Amino acid sequence: MAGEQIRDRYDAFFSSEFMPLIRHDQTQGAPERLAYANEFAAFQLGQINVKLGRLIELMEQRDKVPV
């Protein structure tokens, strides 16, 4: 149950536009910003991968349909 809540929070967080993390009117240090940017990029690439996979499936199904 708690795992689903965390996953939902991450999905909502990473599905929005990229915005550097700012806490208490200060940006984080370079290592933290880099780690966050890498996580964001990895999430977005995963989303692209899922969508392209679905597109390929649809194209393959279309090719199998007799004319």
Protein backbone atom coordinates (compact mmCIF):
# COMPACT_ATOMS: atom_id res chain seq x y z
CA MET A 1 0.00 0.00 0.00
CA ALA A 2 2.71 2.49 0.99
CA GLY A 3 4.77 1.45 -2.04
CA GLU A 4 1.90 2.38 -4.35
CA GLN A 5 1.60 5.81 -2.76
CA ILE A 6 5.30 6.45 -3.22
CA ARG A 7 5.15 5.26 -6.83
CA ASP A 8 2.13 7.48 -7.52
CA ARG A 9 3.98 10.46 -6.04
CA TYR A 10 7.06 9.76 -8.19
CA ASP A 11 4.93 9.29 -11.32
CA ALA A 12 3.21 12.63 -10.73
CA PHE A 13 6.52 14.32 -9.94
CA PHE A 14 8.44 13.04 -12.96
CA SER A 15 5.59 13.34 -15.45
CA SER A 16 5.51 17.12 -15.03
CA GLU A 17 7.95 19.49 -16.70
CA PHE A 18 11.53 19.41 -15.42
CA MET A 19 12.14 21.95 -12.69
CA PRO A 20 15.30 22.09 -10.59
CA LEU A 21 14.68 21.30 -6.96
CA ILE A 22 14.71 24.42 -4.82
CA ARG A 23 14.37 24.19 -1.06
CA HIS A 24 14.27 27.11 1.31
CA ASP A 25 15.05 29.51 -1.56
CA GLN A 26 18.37 27.75 -2.21
CA THR A 27 19.34 25.41 -4.99
CA GLN A 28 20.97 22.12 -4.11
CA GLY A 29 24.61 21.36 -4.72
CA ALA A 30 25.83 20.17 -8.10
CA PRO A 31 25.90 16.43 -7.21
CA GLU A 32 22.28 16.52 -6.02
CA ARG A 33 21.12 18.48 -9.06
CA LEU A 34 22.94 16.09 -11.38
CA ALA A 35 21.41 13.05 -9.68
CA TYR A 36 17.92 14.55 -9.94
CA ALA A 37 18.42 15.46 -13.60
CA ASN A 38 19.64 11.94 -14.34
CA GLU A 39 16.61 10.41 -12.62
CA PHE A 40 14.29 12.72 -14.55
CA ALA A 41 15.98 11.88 -17.87
CA ALA A 42 15.87 8.14 -17.12
CA PHE A 43 12.15 8.35 -16.31
CA GLN A 44 11.42 10.25 -19.52
CA LEU A 45 13.43 7.78 -21.60
CA GLY A 46 11.48 4.95 -20.02
CA GLN A 47 8.22 6.64 -20.99
CA ILE A 48 9.46 7.06 -24.57
CA ASN A 49 10.47 3.40 -24.63
CA VAL A 50 7.00 2.30 -23.50
CA LYS A 51 5.26 4.46 -26.09
CA LEU A 52 7.54 3.35 -28.92
CA GLY A 53 7.02 -0.27 -27.92
CA ARG A 54 3.27 0.20 -28.12
CA LEU A 55 3.60 1.95 -31.49
CA ILE A 56 5.65 -0.93 -32.85
CA GLU A 57 3.06 -3.43 -31.60
CA LEU A 58 0.30 -1.52 -33.37
CA MET A 59 2.29 -1.33 -36.60
CA GLU A 60 3.01 -5.07 -36.47
CA GLN A 61 -0.67 -5.83 -35.90
CA ARG A 62 -1.60 -3.61 -38.85
CA ASP A 63 0.86 -5.48 -41.07
CA LYS A 64 -0.70 -8.84 -40.13
CA VAL A 65 -4.24 -7.81 -41.13
CA PRO A 66 -5.10 -9.16 -44.60
CA VAL A 67 -5.95 -6.49 -47.13
